[in-house]
Amino acid sequence: MNRRSFLHGVGYTAGVSLSAVILDRAGFSQSSRPGAAPAGGPYKLPPLPYAYDALEPYIDAETMHLHHDKHHASYVEHLNTAVAGHPDLASRTVEDLVAHLDSLPEEVRTAVRNQGGGDANHSFWWPILSKSGGDEPSGDLAKDIDAQFGSFTRFQEQYSKAAAGVFGSGWAWLTFAPDGKLQIETSANQDSPLSSGRTPVLGVDVWEHAYYLKYQNRRPEYVAAFFHIVNWDFVSGQYAAAKKAQHT
């Protein structure tokens, strides 16, 4: 079964149950993009790299507005509150904080795990999505997915089942492990694979705020729609960077 057949079969009624690399948080143009956060702490809300309605019909504009400008902004605001009075922490990237939770003062560790995880996960999430996405991965990522999972279609099936099966709120990930292998994993709430020493390559947000306005309780439909808007160029680039970092 090829990818298009898989997506057609899954459609919107599917029954299947869905870093060491640090994003350039200043890489999005601050003009013509919605939702840049005002100053108020060391961590800033990155603007969306597209308009709110750019991902329709797969993700609606109102969901994008609320998800980015309200939910993500709240994580950033609360992270700034948590690190206030800790200038040594404020000088570090949020990804570094999340990757080294055990090194943090106990009084801020939980807040950084939750709020910093929410910031890091969402900053990674927005560029994964693209109105011109939905093809297939290329280069080493495509070859290694085939080698690891048997085919891209089999990967989609396993990833979709994992995402749909997350109990409550959380994420499904494709990660790059220190042993050089790809793996599908899930995390609860805003936990990040970075905290366990693995590099996110692909992620899908399965908190209800990411899809409920359009899909209500039909999470598998949302996950199927997600594959129509994956920016595989970005994802493949993250994988290439992770592999390079492993050898430096």
C-alpha atoms as a PDB file:
ATOM      1  CA  MET A   1       0.000   0.000   0.000  1.00  0.00           C
ATOM      2  CA  ASN A   2       1.449   3.392  -0.987  1.00  0.00           C
ATOM      3  CA  ARG A   3       1.210   6.550   1.081  1.00  0.00           C
ATOM      4  CA  ARG A   4      -1.685   8.076  -0.850  1.00  0.00           C
ATOM      5  CA  SER A   5      -3.674   4.875  -0.537  1.00  0.00           C
ATOM      6  CA  PHE A   6      -2.986   4.837   3.181  1.00  0.00           C
ATOM      7  CA  LEU A   7      -4.156   8.423   3.616  1.00  0.00           C
ATOM      8  CA  HIS A   8      -7.239   7.802   1.521  1.00  0.00           C
ATOM      9  CA  GLY A   9      -8.041   4.744   3.579  1.00  0.00           C
ATOM     10  CA  VAL A  10      -7.481   6.550   6.839  1.00  0.00           C
ATOM     11  CA  GLY A  11      -9.178   9.731   5.619  1.00  0.00           C
ATOM     12  CA  TYR A  12     -11.225  11.539   8.170  1.00  0.00           C
ATOM     13  CA  THR A  13     -12.958   8.469   9.530  1.00  0.00           C
ATOM     14  CA  ALA A  14      -9.940   6.411  10.475  1.00  0.00           C
ATOM     15  CA  GLY A  15     -10.303   3.974  13.313  1.00  0.00           C
ATOM     16  CA  VAL A  16      -6.593   3.519  13.949  1.00  0.00           C
ATOM     17  CA  SER A  17      -5.577   4.656  17.362  1.00  0.00           C
ATOM     18  CA  LEU A  18      -1.772   8.125  16.084  1.00  0.00           C
ATOM     19  CA  SER A  19      16.941  18.376  21.251  1.00  0.00           C
ATOM     20  CA  ALA A  20      20.240  17.930  21.236  1.00  0.00           C
ATOM     21  CA  VAL A  21      19.146  19.943  18.157  1.00  0.00           C
ATOM     22  CA  ILE A  22      17.897  23.376  19.269  1.00  0.00           C
ATOM     23  CA  LEU A  23      15.585  25.426  17.070  1.00  0.00           C
ATOM     24  CA  ASP A  24      16.657  28.871  16.026  1.00  0.00           C
ATOM     25  CA  ARG A  25      14.035  30.696  18.055  1.00  0.00           C
ATOM     26  CA  ALA A  26      14.826  33.971  16.289  1.00  0.00           C
ATOM     27  CA  GLY A  27      14.564  32.425  12.840  1.00  0.00           C
ATOM     28  CA  PHE A  28      11.015  33.558  12.063  1.00  0.00           C
ATOM     29  CA  SER A  29      10.432  37.047  10.726  1.00  0.00           C
ATOM     30  CA  GLN A  30       8.839  39.231  13.385  1.00  0.00           C
ATOM     31  CA  SER A  31       6.917  41.201  10.760  1.00  0.00           C
ATOM     32  CA  SER A  32       3.837  39.873   8.958  1.00  0.00           C
ATOM     33  CA  ARG A  33       3.571  36.936  11.338  1.00  0.00           C
ATOM     34  CA  PRO A  34       0.897  36.676  14.022  1.00  0.00           C
ATOM     35  CA  GLY A  35       1.419  36.547  17.710  1.00  0.00           C
ATOM     36  CA  ALA A  36       4.860  37.884  18.645  1.00  0.00           C
ATOM     37  CA  ALA A  37       4.999  38.246  22.417  1.00  0.00           C
ATOM     38  CA  PRO A  38       5.904  41.530  24.084  1.00  0.00           C
ATOM     39  CA  ALA A  39       8.988  41.768  26.244  1.00  0.00           C
ATOM     40  CA  GLY A  40       8.586  40.471  29.775  1.00  0.00           C
ATOM     41  CA  GLY A  41      11.343  37.972  30.452  1.00  0.00           C
ATOM     42  CA  PRO A  42      14.182  36.082  28.830  1.00  0.00           C
ATOM     43  CA  TYR A  43      11.878  33.724  26.925  1.00  0.00           C
ATOM     44  CA  LYS A  44       9.770  34.970  24.037  1.00  0.00           C
ATOM     45  CA  LEU A  45       6.843  33.587  22.112  1.00  0.00           C
ATOM     46  CA  PRO A  46       8.050  32.881  18.566  1.00  0.00           C
ATOM     47  CA  PRO A  47       5.631  34.154  15.935  1.00  0.00           C
ATOM     48  CA  LEU A  48       3.897  31.679  13.691  1.00  0.00           C
ATOM     49  CA  PRO A  49       5.763  31.140  10.418  1.00  0.00           C
ATOM     50  CA  TYR A  50       2.453  31.455   8.516  1.00  0.00           C
ATOM     51  CA  ALA A  51      -1.008  32.999   8.817  1.00  0.00           C
ATOM     52  CA  TYR A  52      -3.585  31.558  11.203  1.00  0.00           C
ATOM     53  CA  ASP A  53      -5.651  30.157   8.328  1.00  0.00           C
ATOM     54  CA  ALA A  54      -2.716  28.780   6.342  1.00  0.00           C
ATOM     55  CA  LEU A  55      -3.331  25.176   7.396  1.00  0.00           C
ATOM     56  CA  GLU A  56      -7.037  25.024   6.548  1.00  0.00           C
ATOM     57  CA  PRO A  57      -8.946  22.812   5.963  1.00  0.00           C
ATOM     58  CA  TYR A  58      -6.802  20.520   8.128  1.00  0.00           C
ATOM     59  CA  ILE A  59      -6.412  22.857  11.118  1.00  0.00           C
ATOM     60  CA  ASP A  60      -8.763  25.821  11.405  1.00  0.00           C
ATOM     61  CA  ALA A  61      -7.719  29.427  11.963  1.00  0.00           C
ATOM     62  CA  GLU A  62      -9.433  29.773  15.350  1.00  0.00           C
ATOM     63  CA  THR A  63      -7.608  26.745  16.724  1.00  0.00           C
ATOM     64  CA  MET A  64      -4.288  28.152  15.525  1.00  0.00           C
ATOM     65  CA  HIS A  65      -5.049  31.529  17.064  1.00  0.00           C
ATOM     66  CA  LEU A  66      -5.978  30.108  20.452  1.00  0.00           C
ATOM     67  CA  HIS A  67      -3.265  27.467  20.430  1.00  0.00           C
ATOM     68  CA  HIS A  68      -0.467  29.887  19.654  1.00  0.00           C
ATOM     69  CA  ASP A  69      -1.554  33.210  21.128  1.00  0.00           C
ATOM     70  CA  LYS A  70      -3.165  31.819  24.281  1.00  0.00           C
ATOM     71  CA  HIS A  71      -1.811  28.374  25.139  1.00  0.00           C
ATOM     72  CA  HIS A  72       1.780  28.743  23.962  1.00  0.00           C
ATOM     73  CA  ALA A  73       1.935  32.317  25.226  1.00  0.00           C
ATOM     74  CA  SER A  74       0.823  31.115  28.655  1.00  0.00           C
ATOM     75  CA  TYR A  75       3.651  28.576  28.810  1.00  0.00           C
ATOM     76  CA  VAL A  76       6.158  31.311  27.994  1.00  0.00           C
ATOM     77  CA  GLU A  77       4.679  33.685  30.566  1.00  0.00           C
ATOM     78  CA  HIS A  78       4.746  31.091  33.336  1.00  0.00           C
ATOM     79  CA  LEU A  79       8.260  29.975  32.412  1.00  0.00           C
ATOM     80  CA  ASN A  80       9.474  33.553  32.759  1.00  0.00           C
ATOM     81  CA  THR A  81       7.802  33.738  36.158  1.00  0.00           C
ATOM     82  CA  ALA A  82       9.468  30.490  37.225  1.00  0.00           C
ATOM     83  CA  VAL A  83      13.001  31.613  36.360  1.00  0.00           C
ATOM     84  CA  ALA A  84      12.641  35.133  37.745  1.00  0.00           C
ATOM     85  CA  GLY A  85      15.318  35.510  40.380  1.00  0.00           C
ATOM     86  CA  HIS A  86      17.483  32.826  38.760  1.00  0.00           C
ATOM     87  CA  PRO A  87      19.667  34.731  36.279  1.00  0.00           C
ATOM     88  CA  ASP A  88      21.851  31.673  35.752  1.00  0.00           C
ATOM     89  CA  LEU A  89      18.821  29.810  34.401  1.00  0.00           C
ATOM     90  CA  ALA A  90      17.512  32.738  32.391  1.00  0.00           C
ATOM     91  CA  SER A  91      20.725  32.765  30.358  1.00  0.00           C
ATOM     92  CA  ARG A  92      20.134  29.222  29.118  1.00  0.00           C
ATOM     93  CA  THR A  93      17.893  28.127  26.253  1.00  0.00           C
ATOM     94  CA  VAL A  94      14.626  26.501  27.253  1.00  0.00           C
ATOM     95  CA  GLU A  95      15.682  23.365  25.400  1.00  0.00           C
ATOM     96  CA  ASP A  96      18.802  23.177  27.545  1.00  0.00           C
ATOM     97  CA  LEU A  97      16.759  23.583  30.719  1.00  0.00           C
ATOM     98  CA  VAL A  98      14.347  20.846  29.683  1.00  0.00           C
ATOM     99  CA  ALA A  99      17.202  18.545  28.711  1.00  0.00           C
ATOM    100  CA  HIS A 100      18.842  18.916  32.133  1.00  0.00           C
ATOM    101  CA  LEU A 101      15.987  19.004  34.625  1.00  0.00           C
ATOM    102  CA  ASP A 102      18.006  17.276  37.330  1.00  0.00           C
ATOM    103  CA  SER A 103      20.477  20.165  37.336  1.00  0.00           C
ATOM    104  CA  LEU A 104      17.791  22.721  38.204  1.00  0.00           C
ATOM    105  CA  PRO A 105      16.929  23.973  41.696  1.00  0.00           C
ATOM    106  CA  GLU A 106      14.157  21.836  43.119  1.00  0.00           C
ATOM    107  CA  GLU A 107      11.859  24.827  43.589  1.00  0.00           C
ATOM    108  CA  VAL A 108      11.710  25.510  39.839  1.00  0.00           C
ATOM    109  CA  ARG A 109      12.120  22.003  38.428  1.00  0.00           C
ATOM    110  CA  THR A 110       8.432  21.152  38.094  1.00  0.00           C
ATOM    111  CA  ALA A 111       7.578  24.529  36.589  1.00  0.00           C
ATOM    112  CA  VAL A 112      10.359  24.221  34.028  1.00  0.00           C
ATOM    113  CA  ARG A 113       9.285  20.676  33.206  1.00  0.00           C
ATOM    114  CA  ASN A 114       5.695  21.774  32.603  1.00  0.00           C
ATOM    115  CA  GLN A 115       5.974  25.365  31.362  1.00  0.00           C
ATOM    116  CA  GLY A 116       9.396  25.064  29.752  1.00  0.00           C
ATOM    117  CA  GLY A 117       8.353  21.783  28.192  1.00  0.00           C
ATOM    118  CA  GLY A 118       5.269  23.470  26.792  1.00  0.00           C
ATOM    119  CA  ASP A 119       7.374  26.257  25.336  1.00  0.00           C
ATOM    120  CA  ALA A 120      10.012  23.944  23.843  1.00  0.00           C
ATOM    121  CA  ASN A 121       7.471  21.501  22.434  1.00  0.00           C
ATOM    122  CA  HIS A 122       5.384  24.212  20.791  1.00  0.00           C
ATOM    123  CA  SER A 123       8.384  26.080  19.399  1.00  0.00           C
ATOM    124  CA  PHE A 124       9.272  22.781  17.718  1.00  0.00           C
ATOM    125  CA  TRP A 125       5.659  22.152  16.646  1.00  0.00           C
ATOM    126  CA  TRP A 126       4.903  25.237  14.551  1.00  0.00           C
ATOM    127  CA  PRO A 127       7.588  24.740  11.855  1.00  0.00           C
ATOM    128  CA  ILE A 128       6.647  21.049  11.554  1.00  0.00           C
ATOM    129  CA  LEU A 129       3.421  22.258   9.895  1.00  0.00           C
ATOM    130  CA  SER A 130       3.175  23.777   6.422  1.00  0.00           C
ATOM    131  CA  LYS A 131       0.412  24.583   3.959  1.00  0.00           C
ATOM    132  CA  SER A 132       2.643  23.062   1.254  1.00  0.00           C
ATOM    133  CA  GLY A 133       3.499  19.985   3.317  1.00  0.00           C
ATOM    134  CA  GLY A 134       2.162  16.471   3.151  1.00  0.00           C
ATOM    135  CA  ASP A 135       4.580  14.763   0.797  1.00  0.00           C
ATOM    136  CA  GLU A 136       7.090  12.275   2.180  1.00  0.00           C
ATOM    137  CA  PRO A 137      10.474  12.545   3.889  1.00  0.00           C
ATOM    138  CA  SER A 138      13.577  12.558   1.761  1.00  0.00           C
ATOM    139  CA  GLY A 139      17.242  11.694   2.003  1.00  0.00           C
ATOM    140  CA  ASP A 140      18.599   9.824   5.001  1.00  0.00           C
ATOM    141  CA  LEU A 141      15.363  10.168   6.942  1.00  0.00           C
ATOM    142  CA  ALA A 142      13.368   8.414   4.225  1.00  0.00           C
ATOM    143  CA  LYS A 143      15.918   5.611   3.953  1.00  0.00           C
ATOM    144  CA  ASP A 144      16.187   5.155   7.707  1.00  0.00           C
ATOM    145  CA  ILE A 145      12.409   5.129   8.206  1.00  0.00           C
ATOM    146  CA  ASP A 146      12.175   2.374   5.604  1.00  0.00           C
ATOM    147  CA  ALA A 147      14.969   0.453   7.319  1.00  0.00           C
ATOM    148  CA  GLN A 148      13.574   0.928  10.824  1.00  0.00           C
ATOM    149  CA  PHE A 149       9.845   0.444  10.193  1.00  0.00           C
ATOM    150  CA  GLY A 150       9.673  -1.467   6.914  1.00  0.00           C
ATOM    151  CA  SER A 151       8.130   1.343   4.848  1.00  0.00           C
ATOM    152  CA  PHE A 152       6.823   4.861   5.195  1.00  0.00           C
ATOM    153  CA  THR A 153       3.261   3.538   5.231  1.00  0.00           C
ATOM    154  CA  ARG A 154       4.034   1.190   8.113  1.00  0.00           C
ATOM    155  CA  PHE A 155       5.645   4.059   9.975  1.00  0.00           C
ATOM    156  CA  GLN A 156       2.486   6.150   9.483  1.00  0.00           C
ATOM    157  CA  GLU A 157       0.334   3.340  10.789  1.00  0.00           C
ATOM    158  CA  GLN A 158       2.461   2.843  13.919  1.00  0.00           C
ATOM    159  CA  TYR A 159       2.833   6.556  14.559  1.00  0.00           C
ATOM    160  CA  SER A 160      -0.885   7.186  14.107  1.00  0.00           C
ATOM    161  CA  LYS A 161      -1.756   4.373  16.494  1.00  0.00           C
ATOM    162  CA  ALA A 162       0.659   5.733  19.101  1.00  0.00           C
ATOM    163  CA  ALA A 163      -0.723   9.270  18.818  1.00  0.00           C
ATOM    164  CA  ALA A 164      -4.362   8.194  18.976  1.00  0.00           C
ATOM    165  CA  GLY A 165      -3.580   5.984  21.956  1.00  0.00           C
ATOM    166  CA  VAL A 166      -2.076   8.664  24.200  1.00  0.00           C
ATOM    167  CA  PHE A 167      -4.180   8.654  27.355  1.00  0.00           C
ATOM    168  CA  GLY A 168      -5.314  12.174  28.155  1.00  0.00           C
ATOM    169  CA  SER A 169      -3.022  14.968  27.012  1.00  0.00           C
ATOM    170  CA  GLY A 170       0.411  14.591  25.509  1.00  0.00           C
ATOM    171  CA  TRP A 171       2.481  14.133  22.376  1.00  0.00           C
ATOM    172  CA  ALA A 172       3.589  11.442  19.965  1.00  0.00           C
ATOM    173  CA  TRP A 173       7.158  11.661  18.710  1.00  0.00           C
ATOM    174  CA  LEU A 174       9.632  10.277  16.264  1.00  0.00           C
ATOM    175  CA  THR A 175      12.951  10.603  18.052  1.00  0.00           C
ATOM    176  CA  PHE A 176      16.619  10.033  17.375  1.00  0.00           C
ATOM    177  CA  ALA A 177      18.301   8.079  20.152  1.00  0.00           C
ATOM    178  CA  PRO A 178      21.973   8.180  21.203  1.00  0.00           C
ATOM    179  CA  ASP A 179      22.431   4.709  19.677  1.00  0.00           C
ATOM    180  CA  GLY A 180      21.604   6.198  16.266  1.00  0.00           C
ATOM    181  CA  LYS A 181      18.173   4.608  15.923  1.00  0.00           C
ATOM    182  CA  LEU A 182      14.793   6.158  15.252  1.00  0.00           C
ATOM    183  CA  GLN A 183      11.925   5.301  17.558  1.00  0.00           C
ATOM    184  CA  ILE A 184       8.273   6.169  18.025  1.00  0.00           C
ATOM    185  CA  GLU A 185       7.403   7.216  21.552  1.00  0.00           C
ATOM    186  CA  THR A 186       4.769   9.173  23.426  1.00  0.00           C
ATOM    187  CA  SER A 187       4.932  11.578  26.338  1.00  0.00           C
ATOM    188  CA  ALA A 188       2.374  12.820  28.819  1.00  0.00           C
ATOM    189  CA  ASN A 189       1.453  16.461  29.282  1.00  0.00           C
ATOM    190  CA  GLN A 190       4.350  18.678  28.128  1.00  0.00           C
ATOM    191  CA  ASP A 191       7.151  16.222  28.848  1.00  0.00           C
ATOM    192  CA  SER A 192       9.876  16.257  26.204  1.00  0.00           C
ATOM    193  CA  PRO A 193      12.106  13.497  24.844  1.00  0.00           C
ATOM    194  CA  LEU A 194      14.954  15.923  25.488  1.00  0.00           C
ATOM    195  CA  SER A 195      14.619  15.143  29.188  1.00  0.00           C
ATOM    196  CA  SER A 196      15.448  11.503  28.440  1.00  0.00           C
ATOM    197  CA  GLY A 197      18.398  12.242  26.179  1.00  0.00           C
ATOM    198  CA  ARG A 198      16.618  11.759  22.857  1.00  0.00           C
ATOM    199  CA  THR A 199      16.244  14.293  20.053  1.00  0.00           C
ATOM    200  CA  PRO A 200      12.766  15.044  18.665  1.00  0.00           C
ATOM    201  CA  VAL A 201      12.594  14.722  14.893  1.00  0.00           C
ATOM    202  CA  LEU A 202       8.808  14.804  14.439  1.00  0.00           C
ATOM    203  CA  GLY A 203       6.045  15.504  16.939  1.00  0.00           C
ATOM    204  CA  VAL A 204       2.278  15.794  16.975  1.00  0.00           C
ATOM    205  CA  ASP A 205       0.416  17.609  19.727  1.00  0.00           C
ATOM    206  CA  VAL A 206      -2.542  15.553  20.924  1.00  0.00           C
ATOM    207  CA  TRP A 207      -3.716  17.868  23.682  1.00  0.00           C
ATOM    208  CA  GLU A 208      -7.388  18.613  23.080  1.00  0.00           C
ATOM    209  CA  HIS A 209      -6.644  22.307  22.591  1.00  0.00           C
ATOM    210  CA  ALA A 210      -4.758  21.345  19.408  1.00  0.00           C
ATOM    211  CA  TYR A 211      -7.797  19.897  17.647  1.00  0.00           C
ATOM    212  CA  TYR A 212     -11.048  19.920  19.638  1.00  0.00           C
ATOM    213  CA  LEU A 213     -12.761  22.900  17.981  1.00  0.00           C
ATOM    214  CA  LYS A 214     -12.717  21.102  14.629  1.00  0.00           C
ATOM    215  CA  TYR A 215     -12.496  17.403  15.462  1.00  0.00           C
ATOM    216  CA  GLN A 216     -14.094  17.172  18.933  1.00  0.00           C
ATOM    217  CA  ASN A 217     -13.345  13.655  20.233  1.00  0.00           C
ATOM    218  CA  ARG A 218     -12.277  12.318  16.823  1.00  0.00           C
ATOM    219  CA  ARG A 219      -8.556  12.346  17.465  1.00  0.00           C
ATOM    220  CA  PRO A 220      -7.724   9.772  14.739  1.00  0.00           C
ATOM    221  CA  GLU A 221      -9.200  12.149  12.135  1.00  0.00           C
ATOM    222  CA  TYR A 222      -6.972  14.941  13.389  1.00  0.00           C
ATOM    223  CA  VAL A 223      -3.927  12.692  13.227  1.00  0.00           C
ATOM    224  CA  ALA A 224      -4.801  11.663   9.675  1.00  0.00           C
ATOM    225  CA  ALA A 225      -5.146  15.350   8.755  1.00  0.00           C
ATOM    226  CA  PHE A 226      -1.776  16.083  10.344  1.00  0.00           C
ATOM    227  CA  PHE A 227      -0.023  13.968   7.709  1.00  0.00           C
ATOM    228  CA  HIS A 228      -1.374  16.289   4.988  1.00  0.00           C
ATOM    229  CA  ILE A 229       0.530  19.266   6.432  1.00  0.00           C
ATOM    230  CA  VAL A 230       3.824  17.835   7.684  1.00  0.00           C
ATOM    231  CA  ASN A 231       6.764  19.928   6.559  1.00  0.00           C
ATOM    232  CA  TRP A 232       9.061  17.041   5.692  1.00  0.00           C
ATOM    233  CA  ASP A 233      11.836  19.376   4.565  1.00  0.00           C
ATOM    234  CA  PHE A 234      12.010  20.755   8.096  1.00  0.00           C
ATOM    235  CA  VAL A 235      11.732  17.309   9.688  1.00  0.00           C
ATOM    236  CA  SER A 236      14.419  15.858   7.420  1.00  0.00           C
ATOM    237  CA  GLY A 237      16.638  18.812   8.279  1.00  0.00           C
ATOM    238  CA  GLN A 238      16.173  18.164  11.988  1.00  0.00           C
ATOM    239  CA  TYR A 239      17.148  14.548  11.487  1.00  0.00           C
ATOM    240  CA  ALA A 240      20.244  15.478   9.486  1.00  0.00           C
ATOM    241  CA  ALA A 241      21.287  17.934  12.219  1.00  0.00           C
ATOM    242  CA  ALA A 242      20.755  15.298  14.919  1.00  0.00           C
ATOM    243  CA  LYS A 243      22.920  12.795  13.087  1.00  0.00           C
ATOM    244  CA  LYS A 244      25.613  15.386  12.538  1.00  0.00           C
ATOM    245  CA  ALA A 245      25.554  16.378  16.208  1.00  0.00           C
ATOM    246  CA  GLN A 246      26.061  12.755  17.193  1.00  0.00           C
ATOM    247  CA  HIS A 247      29.431  12.736  15.432  1.00  0.00           C
ATOM    248  CA  THR A 248      30.773  16.039  16.743  1.00  0.00           C
END
